[in-house]
Amino acid sequence: MQIEVVKSKIHRVTVTGADLNYIGSITIDEALMEASNIIEGEKVQIVNINNGERLETYAIKGTKNSGEITLNGPAARRVQRGDVIIIISYGIMDFEEAKNFKPSIIFPNEKDNTLT
């Protein structure tokens, strides 16, 4: 049996931008992507702490060490600059493998989205 488990999590970062006219996705500081083991194009779930919204999109790399977290396209309607969000990705694995799997969870500085 296979199950879906948390693979990566960026816990509590601040949205720095919302670009409605972009095609879609979330732009994430490359340093945060590397630290959390999220790759470009990977499906992610966005949980907005400020309004309870949940949405799915895909990750694209932002400038490394910039602190950028920008929701693009239609997702931009579900956040505002300054909102605090959680970014989660999931993986599918065998049940027994999942028992010992350790996700990559990071806790950036919420004020500037940098790793401390």
PDB file of N, CA and C in Angstrom:
ATOM      1  N   MET A   1       0.841  -1.178   0.000  1.00  0.00           N
ATOM      2  CA  MET A   1       0.000   0.000   0.000  1.00  0.00           C
ATOM      3  C   MET A   1       0.888   1.244   0.000  1.00  0.00           C
ATOM      4  N   GLN A   2       0.460   2.246  -0.739  1.00  0.00           N
ATOM      5  CA  GLN A   2       1.161   3.518  -0.744  1.00  0.00           C
ATOM      6  C   GLN A   2       0.296   4.584  -0.086  1.00  0.00           C
ATOM      7  N   ILE A   3       0.967   5.516   0.577  1.00  0.00           N
ATOM      8  CA  ILE A   3       0.254   6.625   1.211  1.00  0.00           C
ATOM      9  C   ILE A   3       0.947   7.943   0.851  1.00  0.00           C
ATOM     10  N   GLU A   4       0.206   9.027   1.015  1.00  0.00           N
ATOM     11  CA  GLU A   4       0.744  10.364   0.748  1.00  0.00           C
ATOM     12  C   GLU A   4       1.124  10.993   2.081  1.00  0.00           C
ATOM     13  N   VAL A   5       2.368  11.464   2.177  1.00  0.00           N
ATOM     14  CA  VAL A   5       2.855  12.057   3.419  1.00  0.00           C
ATOM     15  C   VAL A   5       3.522  13.408   3.130  1.00  0.00           C
ATOM     16  N   VAL A   6       3.676  14.212   4.172  1.00  0.00           N
ATOM     17  CA  VAL A   6       4.375  15.486   4.033  1.00  0.00           C
ATOM     18  C   VAL A   6       5.825  15.201   3.667  1.00  0.00           C
ATOM     19  N   LYS A   7       6.290  15.797   2.570  1.00  0.00           N
ATOM     20  CA  LYS A   7       7.674  15.655   2.120  1.00  0.00           C
ATOM     21  C   LYS A   7       8.498  16.870   2.521  1.00  0.00           C
ATOM     22  N   SER A   8       7.898  18.056   2.345  1.00  0.00           N
ATOM     23  CA  SER A   8       8.604  19.315   2.593  1.00  0.00           C
ATOM     24  C   SER A   8       7.632  20.342   3.148  1.00  0.00           C
ATOM     25  N   LYS A   9       8.173  21.236   3.982  1.00  0.00           N
ATOM     26  CA  LYS A   9       7.316  22.285   4.544  1.00  0.00           C
ATOM     27  C   LYS A   9       8.153  23.520   4.840  1.00  0.00           C
ATOM     28  N   ILE A  10       7.673  24.652   4.348  1.00  0.00           N
ATOM     29  CA  ILE A  10       8.230  25.956   4.702  1.00  0.00           C
ATOM     30  C   ILE A  10       7.190  26.580   5.621  1.00  0.00           C
ATOM     31  N   HIS A  11       7.510  26.629   6.897  1.00  0.00           N
ATOM     32  CA  HIS A  11       6.521  27.015   7.909  1.00  0.00           C
ATOM     33  C   HIS A  11       6.575  28.512   8.201  1.00  0.00           C
ATOM     34  N   ARG A  12       5.510  29.187   7.873  1.00  0.00           N
ATOM     35  CA  ARG A  12       5.291  30.597   8.194  1.00  0.00           C
ATOM     36  C   ARG A  12       6.293  31.535   7.530  1.00  0.00           C
ATOM     37  N   VAL A  13       5.993  31.867   6.288  1.00  0.00           N
ATOM     38  CA  VAL A  13       6.728  32.913   5.580  1.00  0.00           C
ATOM     39  C   VAL A  13       5.744  34.004   5.195  1.00  0.00           C
ATOM     40  N   THR A  14       6.265  35.184   4.974  1.00  0.00           N
ATOM     41  CA  THR A  14       5.428  36.336   4.651  1.00  0.00           C
ATOM     42  C   THR A  14       5.397  36.554   3.146  1.00  0.00           C
ATOM     43  N   VAL A  15       4.200  36.730   2.606  1.00  0.00           N
ATOM     44  CA  VAL A  15       4.017  36.992   1.181  1.00  0.00           C
ATOM     45  C   VAL A  15       4.586  38.376   0.866  1.00  0.00           C
ATOM     46  N   THR A  16       5.485  38.409  -0.125  1.00  0.00           N
ATOM     47  CA  THR A  16       6.109  39.674  -0.517  1.00  0.00           C
ATOM     48  C   THR A  16       5.471  40.280  -1.758  1.00  0.00           C
ATOM     49  N   GLY A  17       4.657  39.476  -2.474  1.00  0.00           N
ATOM     50  CA  GLY A  17       4.026  39.997  -3.668  1.00  0.00           C
ATOM     51  C   GLY A  17       2.913  39.103  -4.165  1.00  0.00           C
ATOM     52  N   ALA A  18       2.037  39.686  -4.955  1.00  0.00           N
ATOM     53  CA  ALA A  18       0.932  38.968  -5.600  1.00  0.00           C
ATOM     54  C   ALA A  18       0.779  39.555  -7.000  1.00  0.00           C
ATOM     55  N   ASP A  19       1.092  38.744  -8.010  1.00  0.00           N
ATOM     56  CA  ASP A  19       1.122  39.213  -9.397  1.00  0.00           C
ATOM     57  C   ASP A  19       0.026  38.528 -10.200  1.00  0.00           C
ATOM     58  N   LEU A  20      -1.125  39.164 -10.272  1.00  0.00           N
ATOM     59  CA  LEU A  20      -2.289  38.609 -10.956  1.00  0.00           C
ATOM     60  C   LEU A  20      -2.032  38.362 -12.439  1.00  0.00           C
ATOM     61  N   ASN A  21      -1.201  39.155 -13.077  1.00  0.00           N
ATOM     62  CA  ASN A  21      -0.997  39.057 -14.516  1.00  0.00           C
ATOM     63  C   ASN A  21       0.077  38.064 -14.937  1.00  0.00           C
ATOM     64  N   TYR A  22       0.615  37.325 -13.990  1.00  0.00           N
ATOM     65  CA  TYR A  22       1.585  36.276 -14.314  1.00  0.00           C
ATOM     66  C   TYR A  22       0.813  35.002 -14.631  1.00  0.00           C
ATOM     67  N   ILE A  23       1.417  34.083 -15.366  1.00  0.00           N
ATOM     68  CA  ILE A  23       0.713  32.876 -15.812  1.00  0.00           C
ATOM     69  C   ILE A  23       0.203  32.022 -14.655  1.00  0.00           C
ATOM     70  N   GLY A  24       0.977  31.864 -13.622  1.00  0.00           N
ATOM     71  CA  GLY A  24       0.561  31.058 -12.484  1.00  0.00           C
ATOM     72  C   GLY A  24       1.742  30.615 -11.672  1.00  0.00           C
ATOM     73  N   SER A  25       1.536  30.064 -10.504  1.00  0.00           N
ATOM     74  CA  SER A  25       2.559  29.477  -9.657  1.00  0.00           C
ATOM     75  C   SER A  25       2.835  30.311  -8.415  1.00  0.00           C
ATOM     76  N   ILE A  26       3.840  29.867  -7.658  1.00  0.00           N
ATOM     77  CA  ILE A  26       4.366  30.636  -6.534  1.00  0.00           C
ATOM     78  C   ILE A  26       5.870  30.746  -6.722  1.00  0.00           C
ATOM     79  N   THR A  27       6.381  31.956  -6.643  1.00  0.00           N
ATOM     80  CA  THR A  27       7.818  32.189  -6.714  1.00  0.00           C
ATOM     81  C   THR A  27       8.356  32.140  -5.290  1.00  0.00           C
ATOM     82  N   ILE A  28       9.354  31.259  -5.077  1.00  0.00           N
ATOM     83  CA  ILE A  28       9.924  31.053  -3.753  1.00  0.00           C
ATOM     84  C   ILE A  28      11.431  31.283  -3.824  1.00  0.00           C
ATOM     85  N   ASP A  29      11.952  32.037  -2.888  1.00  0.00           N
ATOM     86  CA  ASP A  29      13.389  32.245  -2.759  1.00  0.00           C
ATOM     87  C   ASP A  29      14.102  30.899  -2.924  1.00  0.00           C
ATOM     88  N   GLU A  30      15.081  30.848  -3.821  1.00  0.00           N
ATOM     89  CA  GLU A  30      15.781  29.596  -4.107  1.00  0.00           C
ATOM     90  C   GLU A  30      16.425  28.984  -2.865  1.00  0.00           C
ATOM     91  N   ALA A  31      16.921  29.806  -1.948  1.00  0.00           N
ATOM     92  CA  ALA A  31      17.536  29.284  -0.722  1.00  0.00           C
ATOM     93  C   ALA A  31      16.514  28.528   0.118  1.00  0.00           C
ATOM     94  N   LEU A  32      15.280  29.019   0.159  1.00  0.00           N
ATOM     95  CA  LEU A  32      14.218  28.330   0.904  1.00  0.00           C
ATOM     96  C   LEU A  32      13.836  27.026   0.222  1.00  0.00           C
ATOM     97  N   MET A  33      13.811  27.042  -1.117  1.00  0.00           N
ATOM     98  CA  MET A  33      13.506  25.811  -1.851  1.00  0.00           C
ATOM     99  C   MET A  33      14.560  24.751  -1.584  1.00  0.00           C
ATOM    100  N   GLU A  34      15.818  25.145  -1.635  1.00  0.00           N
ATOM    101  CA  GLU A  34      16.899  24.188  -1.396  1.00  0.00           C
ATOM    102  C   GLU A  34      16.827  23.625   0.014  1.00  0.00           C
ATOM    103  N   ALA A  35      16.624  24.496   1.007  1.00  0.00           N
ATOM    104  CA  ALA A  35      16.599  24.059   2.403  1.00  0.00           C
ATOM    105  C   ALA A  35      15.430  23.134   2.708  1.00  0.00           C
ATOM    106  N   SER A  36      14.316  23.337   2.006  1.00  0.00           N
ATOM    107  CA  SER A  36      13.112  22.535   2.266  1.00  0.00           C
ATOM    108  C   SER A  36      12.976  21.350   1.323  1.00  0.00           C
ATOM    109  N   ASN A  37      13.909  21.213   0.376  1.00  0.00           N
ATOM    110  CA  ASN A  37      13.877  20.097  -0.571  1.00  0.00           C
ATOM    111  C   ASN A  37      12.680  20.164  -1.525  1.00  0.00           C
ATOM    112  N   ILE A  38      12.316  21.372  -1.921  1.00  0.00           N
ATOM    113  CA  ILE A  38      11.276  21.580  -2.937  1.00  0.00           C
ATOM    114  C   ILE A  38      11.985  21.931  -4.240  1.00  0.00           C
ATOM    115  N   ILE A  39      11.567  21.309  -5.339  1.00  0.00           N
ATOM    116  CA  ILE A  39      12.200  21.595  -6.625  1.00  0.00           C
ATOM    117  C   ILE A  39      11.274  22.414  -7.519  1.00  0.00           C
ATOM    118  N   GLU A  40      11.878  23.060  -8.496  1.00  0.00           N
ATOM    119  CA  GLU A  40      11.103  23.874  -9.428  1.00  0.00           C
ATOM    120  C   GLU A  40      10.110  22.991 -10.179  1.00  0.00           C
ATOM    121  N   GLY A  41       8.880  23.445 -10.270  1.00  0.00           N
ATOM    122  CA  GLY A  41       7.824  22.704 -10.950  1.00  0.00           C
ATOM    123  C   GLY A  41       7.047  21.762 -10.038  1.00  0.00           C
ATOM    124  N   GLU A  42       7.508  21.597  -8.809  1.00  0.00           N
ATOM    125  CA  GLU A  42       6.838  20.686  -7.878  1.00  0.00           C
ATOM    126  C   GLU A  42       5.501  21.267  -7.412  1.00  0.00           C
ATOM    127  N   LYS A  43       4.506  20.403  -7.325  1.00  0.00           N
ATOM    128  CA  LYS A  43       3.198  20.805  -6.818  1.00  0.00           C
ATOM    129  C   LYS A  43       3.302  21.102  -5.327  1.00  0.00           C
ATOM    130  N   VAL A  44       2.753  22.239  -4.923  1.00  0.00           N
ATOM    131  CA  VAL A  44       2.756  22.632  -3.518  1.00  0.00           C
ATOM    132  C   VAL A  44       1.361  23.089  -3.101  1.00  0.00           C
ATOM    133  N   GLN A  45       1.108  22.932  -1.822  1.00  0.00           N
ATOM    134  CA  GLN A  45      -0.130  23.453  -1.235  1.00  0.00           C
ATOM    135  C   GLN A  45       0.234  24.700  -0.441  1.00  0.00           C
ATOM    136  N   ILE A  46      -0.577  25.731  -0.592  1.00  0.00           N
ATOM    137  CA  ILE A  46      -0.387  26.985   0.126  1.00  0.00           C
ATOM    138  C   ILE A  46      -1.518  27.114   1.138  1.00  0.00           C
ATOM    139  N   VAL A  47      -1.149  27.348   2.391  1.00  0.00           N
ATOM    140  CA  VAL A  47      -2.135  27.546   3.455  1.00  0.00           C
ATOM    141  C   VAL A  47      -1.944  28.971   3.968  1.00  0.00           C
ATOM    142  N   ASN A  48      -2.975  29.797   3.829  1.00  0.00           N
ATOM    143  CA  ASN A  48      -2.897  31.197   4.235  1.00  0.00           C
ATOM    144  C   ASN A  48      -3.364  31.324   5.682  1.00  0.00           C
ATOM    145  N   ILE A  49      -2.451  31.683   6.570  1.00  0.00           N
ATOM    146  CA  ILE A  49      -2.759  31.826   7.990  1.00  0.00           C
ATOM    147  C   ILE A  49      -3.758  32.968   8.213  1.00  0.00           C
ATOM    148  N   ASN A  50      -3.678  34.020   7.414  1.00  0.00           N
ATOM    149  CA  ASN A  50      -4.509  35.202   7.635  1.00  0.00           C
ATOM    150  C   ASN A  50      -5.978  34.992   7.314  1.00  0.00           C
ATOM    151  N   ASN A  51      -6.284  34.199   6.276  1.00  0.00           N
ATOM    152  CA  ASN A  51      -7.694  34.077   5.884  1.00  0.00           C
ATOM    153  C   ASN A  51      -8.185  32.636   5.754  1.00  0.00           C
ATOM    154  N   GLY A  52      -7.325  31.658   6.019  1.00  0.00           N
ATOM    155  CA  GLY A  52      -7.750  30.262   5.978  1.00  0.00           C
ATOM    156  C   GLY A  52      -7.799  29.639   4.595  1.00  0.00           C
ATOM    157  N   GLU A  53      -7.473  30.388   3.566  1.00  0.00           N
ATOM    158  CA  GLU A  53      -7.484  29.848   2.195  1.00  0.00           C
ATOM    159  C   GLU A  53      -6.452  28.743   2.045  1.00  0.00           C
ATOM    160  N   ARG A  54      -6.804  27.742   1.237  1.00  0.00           N
ATOM    161  CA  ARG A  54      -5.875  26.681   0.846  1.00  0.00           C
ATOM    162  C   ARG A  54      -5.943  26.570  -0.663  1.00  0.00           C
ATOM    163  N   LEU A  55      -4.782  26.450  -1.297  1.00  0.00           N
ATOM    164  CA  LEU A  55      -4.766  26.306  -2.751  1.00  0.00           C
ATOM    165  C   LEU A  55      -3.558  25.490  -3.146  1.00  0.00           C
ATOM    166  N   GLU A  56      -3.602  24.960  -4.350  1.00  0.00           N
ATOM    167  CA  GLU A  56      -2.479  24.217  -4.900  1.00  0.00           C
ATOM    168  C   GLU A  56      -1.966  24.921  -6.143  1.00  0.00           C
ATOM    169  N   THR A  57      -0.658  24.900  -6.305  1.00  0.00           N
ATOM    170  CA  THR A  57      -0.003  25.470  -7.470  1.00  0.00           C
ATOM    171  C   THR A  57       1.342  24.772  -7.623  1.00  0.00           C
ATOM    172  N   TYR A  58       2.267  25.365  -8.355  1.00  0.00           N
ATOM    173  CA  TYR A  58       3.582  24.762  -8.493  1.00  0.00           C
ATOM    174  C   TYR A  58       4.649  25.809  -8.184  1.00  0.00           C
ATOM    175  N   ALA A  59       5.810  25.331  -7.760  1.00  0.00           N
ATOM    176  CA  ALA A  59       6.884  26.215  -7.327  1.00  0.00           C
ATOM    177  C   ALA A  59       7.789  26.618  -8.484  1.00  0.00           C
ATOM    178  N   ILE A  60       8.208  27.892  -8.479  1.00  0.00           N
ATOM    179  CA  ILE A  60       9.275  28.352  -9.368  1.00  0.00           C
ATOM    180  C   ILE A  60      10.309  29.084  -8.518  1.00  0.00           C
ATOM    181  N   LYS A  61      11.552  29.039  -8.968  1.00  0.00           N
ATOM    182  CA  LYS A  61      12.653  29.637  -8.215  1.00  0.00           C
ATOM    183  C   LYS A  61      12.634  31.147  -8.296  1.00  0.00           C
ATOM    184  N   GLY A  62      12.796  31.746  -7.129  1.00  0.00           N
ATOM    185  CA  GLY A  62      13.040  33.175  -7.051  1.00  0.00           C
ATOM    186  C   GLY A  62      14.523  33.408  -6.833  1.00  0.00           C
ATOM    187  N   THR A  63      14.915  34.641  -6.787  1.00  0.00           N
ATOM    188  CA  THR A  63      16.312  34.991  -6.557  1.00  0.00           C
ATOM    189  C   THR A  63      16.772  34.477  -5.196  1.00  0.00           C
ATOM    190  N   LYS A  64      17.934  33.833  -5.191  1.00  0.00           N
ATOM    191  CA  LYS A  64      18.464  33.244  -3.967  1.00  0.00           C
ATOM    192  C   LYS A  64      18.749  34.314  -2.916  1.00  0.00           C
ATOM    193  N   ASN A  65      18.318  34.029  -1.690  1.00  0.00           N
ATOM    194  CA  ASN A  65      18.506  34.908  -0.517  1.00  0.00           C
ATOM    195  C   ASN A  65      17.776  36.247  -0.628  1.00  0.00           C
ATOM    196  N   SER A  66      16.747  36.292  -1.474  1.00  0.00           N
ATOM    197  CA  SER A  66      15.962  37.522  -1.638  1.00  0.00           C
ATOM    198  C   SER A  66      14.797  37.610  -0.665  1.00  0.00           C
ATOM    199  N   GLY A  67      14.373  36.475  -0.122  1.00  0.00           N
ATOM    200  CA  GLY A  67      13.194  36.447   0.736  1.00  0.00           C
ATOM    201  C   GLY A  67      11.890  36.480  -0.043  1.00  0.00           C
ATOM    202  N   GLU A  68      11.975  36.386  -1.367  1.00  0.00           N
ATOM    203  CA  GLU A  68      10.772  36.503  -2.193  1.00  0.00           C
ATOM    204  C   GLU A  68       9.807  35.337  -2.002  1.00  0.00           C
ATOM    205  N   ILE A  69       8.551  35.679  -1.794  1.00  0.00           N
ATOM    206  CA  ILE A  69       7.425  34.748  -1.795  1.00  0.00           C
ATOM    207  C   ILE A  69       6.302  35.468  -2.528  1.00  0.00           C
ATOM    208  N   THR A  70       6.113  35.138  -3.816  1.00  0.00           N
ATOM    209  CA  THR A  70       5.116  35.827  -4.635  1.00  0.00           C
ATOM    210  C   THR A  70       4.124  34.829  -5.202  1.00  0.00           C
ATOM    211  N   LEU A  71       2.846  35.058  -4.952  1.00  0.00           N
ATOM    212  CA  LEU A  71       1.788  34.251  -5.563  1.00  0.00           C
ATOM    213  C   LEU A  71       1.445  34.870  -6.894  1.00  0.00           C
ATOM    214  N   ASN A  72       1.385  34.028  -7.930  1.00  0.00           N
ATOM    215  CA  ASN A  72       1.205  34.501  -9.295  1.00  0.00           C
ATOM    216  C   ASN A  72      -0.105  33.995  -9.893  1.00  0.00           C
ATOM    217  N   GLY A  73      -0.628  34.725 -10.855  1.00  0.00           N
ATOM    218  CA  GLY A  73      -1.837  34.308 -11.557  1.00  0.00           C
ATOM    219  C   GLY A  73      -3.046  34.317 -10.643  1.00  0.00           C
ATOM    220  N   PRO A  74      -3.997  33.405 -10.871  1.00  0.00           N
ATOM    221  CA  PRO A  74      -5.231  33.390 -10.088  1.00  0.00           C
ATOM    222  C   PRO A  74      -5.000  33.280  -8.579  1.00  0.00           C
ATOM    223  N   ALA A  75      -3.913  32.626  -8.172  1.00  0.00           N
ATOM    224  CA  ALA A  75      -3.616  32.490  -6.741  1.00  0.00           C
ATOM    225  C   ALA A  75      -3.406  33.847  -6.075  1.00  0.00           C
ATOM    226  N   ALA A  76      -3.042  34.846  -6.868  1.00  0.00           N
ATOM    227  CA  ALA A  76      -2.814  36.187  -6.330  1.00  0.00           C
ATOM    228  C   ALA A  76      -4.085  36.787  -5.733  1.00  0.00           C
ATOM    229  N   ARG A  77      -5.229  36.280  -6.132  1.00  0.00           N
ATOM    230  CA  ARG A  77      -6.502  36.775  -5.575  1.00  0.00           C
ATOM    231  C   ARG A  77      -6.774  36.215  -4.179  1.00  0.00           C
ATOM    232  N   ARG A  78      -6.007  35.204  -3.776  1.00  0.00           N
ATOM    233  CA  ARG A  78      -6.285  34.532  -2.510  1.00  0.00           C
ATOM    234  C   ARG A  78      -5.304  34.891  -1.401  1.00  0.00           C
ATOM    235  N   VAL A  79      -4.396  35.814  -1.712  1.00  0.00           N
ATOM    236  CA  VAL A  79      -3.445  36.313  -0.719  1.00  0.00           C
ATOM    237  C   VAL A  79      -3.264  37.809  -0.895  1.00  0.00           C
ATOM    238  N   GLN A  80      -2.702  38.414   0.125  1.00  0.00           N
ATOM    239  CA  GLN A  80      -2.300  39.811   0.030  1.00  0.00           C
ATOM    240  C   GLN A  80      -0.863  39.916   0.494  1.00  0.00           C
ATOM    241  N   ARG A  81      -0.163  40.894  -0.023  1.00  0.00           N
ATOM    242  CA  ARG A  81       1.192  41.147   0.457  1.00  0.00           C
ATOM    243  C   ARG A  81       1.124  41.322   1.971  1.00  0.00           C
ATOM    244  N   GLY A  82       2.015  40.651   2.678  1.00  0.00           N
ATOM    245  CA  GLY A  82       2.032  40.726   4.135  1.00  0.00           C
ATOM    246  C   GLY A  82       1.350  39.543   4.813  1.00  0.00           C
ATOM    247  N   ASP A  83       0.543  38.763   4.066  1.00  0.00           N
ATOM    248  CA  ASP A  83      -0.065  37.565   4.652  1.00  0.00           C
ATOM    249  C   ASP A  83       1.023  36.568   5.013  1.00  0.00           C
ATOM    250  N   VAL A  84       0.769  35.783   6.039  1.00  0.00           N
ATOM    251  CA  VAL A  84       1.683  34.724   6.446  1.00  0.00           C
ATOM    252  C   VAL A  84       1.121  33.405   5.931  1.00  0.00           C
ATOM    253  N   ILE A  85       1.974  32.624   5.252  1.00  0.00           N
ATOM    254  CA  ILE A  85       1.535  31.361   4.662  1.00  0.00           C
ATOM    255  C   ILE A  85       2.449  30.218   5.075  1.00  0.00           C
ATOM    256  N   ILE A  86       1.957  29.010   4.869  1.00  0.00           N
ATOM    257  CA  ILE A  86       2.731  27.788   5.006  1.00  0.00           C
ATOM    258  C   ILE A  86       2.732  27.133   3.631  1.00  0.00           C
ATOM    259  N   ILE A  87       3.884  26.657   3.199  1.00  0.00           N
ATOM    260  CA  ILE A  87       4.030  25.994   1.901  1.00  0.00           C
ATOM    261  C   ILE A  87       4.359  24.531   2.167  1.00  0.00           C
ATOM    262  N   ILE A  88       3.553  23.611   1.629  1.00  0.00           N
ATOM    263  CA  ILE A  88       3.700  22.188   1.902  1.00  0.00           C
ATOM    264  C   ILE A  88       3.739  21.412   0.593  1.00  0.00           C
ATOM    265  N   SER A  89       4.637  20.413   0.527  1.00  0.00           N
ATOM    266  CA  SER A  89       4.585  19.470  -0.583  1.00  0.00           C
ATOM    267  C   SER A  89       4.480  18.066   0.005  1.00  0.00           C
ATOM    268  N   TYR A  90       3.930  17.168  -0.790  1.00  0.00           N
ATOM    269  CA  TYR A  90       3.671  15.804  -0.333  1.00  0.00           C
ATOM    270  C   TYR A  90       4.358  14.816  -1.259  1.00  0.00           C
ATOM    271  N   GLY A  91       4.650  13.642  -0.737  1.00  0.00           N
ATOM    272  CA  GLY A  91       5.225  12.576  -1.535  1.00  0.00           C
ATOM    273  C   GLY A  91       4.426  11.303  -1.327  1.00  0.00           C
ATOM    274  N   ILE A  92       4.455  10.442  -2.323  1.00  0.00           N
ATOM    275  CA  ILE A  92       3.765   9.155  -2.227  1.00  0.00           C
ATOM    276  C   ILE A  92       4.833   8.082  -2.035  1.00  0.00           C
ATOM    277  N   MET A  93       4.643   7.264  -1.018  1.00  0.00           N
ATOM    278  CA  MET A  93       5.613   6.201  -0.745  1.00  0.00           C
ATOM    279  C   MET A  93       4.932   5.005  -0.111  1.00  0.00           C
ATOM    280  N   ASP A  94       5.684   3.916  -0.075  1.00  0.00           N
ATOM    281  CA  ASP A  94       5.162   2.705   0.552  1.00  0.00           C
ATOM    282  C   ASP A  94       4.923   2.957   2.033  1.00  0.00           C
ATOM    283  N   PHE A  95       3.918   2.315   2.572  1.00  0.00           N
ATOM    284  CA  PHE A  95       3.524   2.486   3.968  1.00  0.00           C
ATOM    285  C   PHE A  95       4.698   2.250   4.914  1.00  0.00           C
ATOM    286  N   GLU A  96       5.432   1.182   4.712  1.00  0.00           N
ATOM    287  CA  GLU A  96       6.555   0.866   5.596  1.00  0.00           C
ATOM    288  C   GLU A  96       7.659   1.907   5.483  1.00  0.00           C
ATOM    289  N   GLU A  97       7.945   2.368   4.279  1.00  0.00           N
ATOM    290  CA  GLU A  97       8.944   3.413   4.077  1.00  0.00           C
ATOM    291  C   GLU A  97       8.523   4.698   4.780  1.00  0.00           C
ATOM    292  N   ALA A  98       7.244   5.005   4.719  1.00  0.00           N
ATOM    293  CA  ALA A  98       6.720   6.238   5.314  1.00  0.00           C
ATOM    294  C   ALA A  98       6.898   6.265   6.829  1.00  0.00           C
ATOM    295  N   LYS A  99       6.906   5.109   7.455  1.00  0.00           N
ATOM    296  CA  LYS A  99       7.060   5.056   8.914  1.00  0.00           C
ATOM    297  C   LYS A  99       8.387   5.652   9.374  1.00  0.00           C
ATOM    298  N   ASN A 100       9.419   5.553   8.553  1.00  0.00           N
ATOM    299  CA  ASN A 100      10.744   6.041   8.921  1.00  0.00           C
ATOM    300  C   ASN A 100      11.151   7.316   8.190  1.00  0.00           C
ATOM    301  N   PHE A 101      10.295   7.809   7.310  1.00  0.00           N
ATOM    302  CA  PHE A 101      10.624   8.983   6.515  1.00  0.00           C
ATOM    303  C   PHE A 101      10.597  10.240   7.371  1.00  0.00           C
ATOM    304  N   LYS A 102      11.575  11.102   7.174  1.00  0.00           N
ATOM    305  CA  LYS A 102      11.640  12.383   7.881  1.00  0.00           C
ATOM    306  C   LYS A 102      11.511  13.512   6.865  1.00  0.00           C
ATOM    307  N   PRO A 103      10.450  14.291   6.933  1.00  0.00           N
ATOM    308  CA  PRO A 103      10.269  15.388   5.982  1.00  0.00           C
ATOM    309  C   PRO A 103      11.279  16.507   6.220  1.00  0.00           C
ATOM    310  N   SER A 104      11.484  17.327   5.197  1.00  0.00           N
ATOM    311  CA  SER A 104      12.333  18.517   5.296  1.00  0.00           C
ATOM    312  C   SER A 104      11.440  19.683   5.697  1.00  0.00           C
ATOM    313  N   ILE A 105      11.534  20.091   6.945  1.00  0.00           N
ATOM    314  CA  ILE A 105      10.699  21.179   7.468  1.00  0.00           C
ATOM    315  C   ILE A 105      11.620  22.295   7.928  1.00  0.00           C
ATOM    316  N   ILE A 106      11.350  23.501   7.422  1.00  0.00           N
ATOM    317  CA  ILE A 106      12.168  24.649   7.812  1.00  0.00           C
ATOM    318  C   ILE A 106      11.287  25.738   8.418  1.00  0.00           C
ATOM    319  N   PHE A 107      11.906  26.544   9.257  1.00  0.00           N
ATOM    320  CA  PHE A 107      11.224  27.623   9.968  1.00  0.00           C
ATOM    321  C   PHE A 107      11.979  28.929   9.733  1.00  0.00           C
ATOM    322  N   PRO A 108      11.751  29.550   8.570  1.00  0.00           N
ATOM    323  CA  PRO A 108      12.472  30.799   8.274  1.00  0.00           C
ATOM    324  C   PRO A 108      12.056  31.934   9.212  1.00  0.00           C
ATOM    325  N   ASN A 109      12.875  32.974   9.221  1.00  0.00           N
ATOM    326  CA  ASN A 109      12.526  34.183   9.934  1.00  0.00           C
ATOM    327  C   ASN A 109      11.316  34.808   9.236  1.00  0.00           C
ATOM    328  N   GLU A 110      10.220  34.903   9.940  1.00  0.00           N
ATOM    329  CA  GLU A 110       8.952  35.361   9.347  1.00  0.00           C
ATOM    330  C   GLU A 110       9.001  36.820   8.890  1.00  0.00           C
ATOM    331  N   LYS A 111       9.884  37.614   9.464  1.00  0.00           N
ATOM    332  CA  LYS A 111       9.945  39.036   9.115  1.00  0.00           C
ATOM    333  C   LYS A 111      10.566  39.280   7.749  1.00  0.00           C
ATOM    334  N   ASP A 112      11.609  38.485   7.396  1.00  0.00           N
ATOM    335  CA  ASP A 112      12.269  38.715   6.116  1.00  0.00           C
ATOM    336  C   ASP A 112      12.444  37.447   5.288  1.00  0.00           C
ATOM    337  N   ASN A 113      11.832  36.345   5.733  1.00  0.00           N
ATOM    338  CA  ASN A 113      11.847  35.064   5.004  1.00  0.00           C
ATOM    339  C   ASN A 113      13.246  34.508   4.786  1.00  0.00           C
ATOM    340  N   THR A 114      14.167  34.811   5.685  1.00  0.00           N
ATOM    341  CA  THR A 114      15.516  34.277   5.561  1.00  0.00           C
ATOM    342  C   THR A 114      15.708  33.118   6.526  1.00  0.00           C
ATOM    343  N   LEU A 115      16.695  32.295   6.226  1.00  0.00           N
ATOM    344  CA  LEU A 115      17.034  31.181   7.112  1.00  0.00           C
ATOM    345  C   LEU A 115      17.898  31.736   8.246  1.00  0.00           C
ATOM    346  N   THR A 116      17.616  31.304   9.443  1.00  0.00           N
ATOM    347  CA  THR A 116      18.393  31.826  10.588  1.00  0.00           C
ATOM    348  C   THR A 116      19.458  30.861  11.016  1.00  0.00           C
TER     349      THR A 116
END
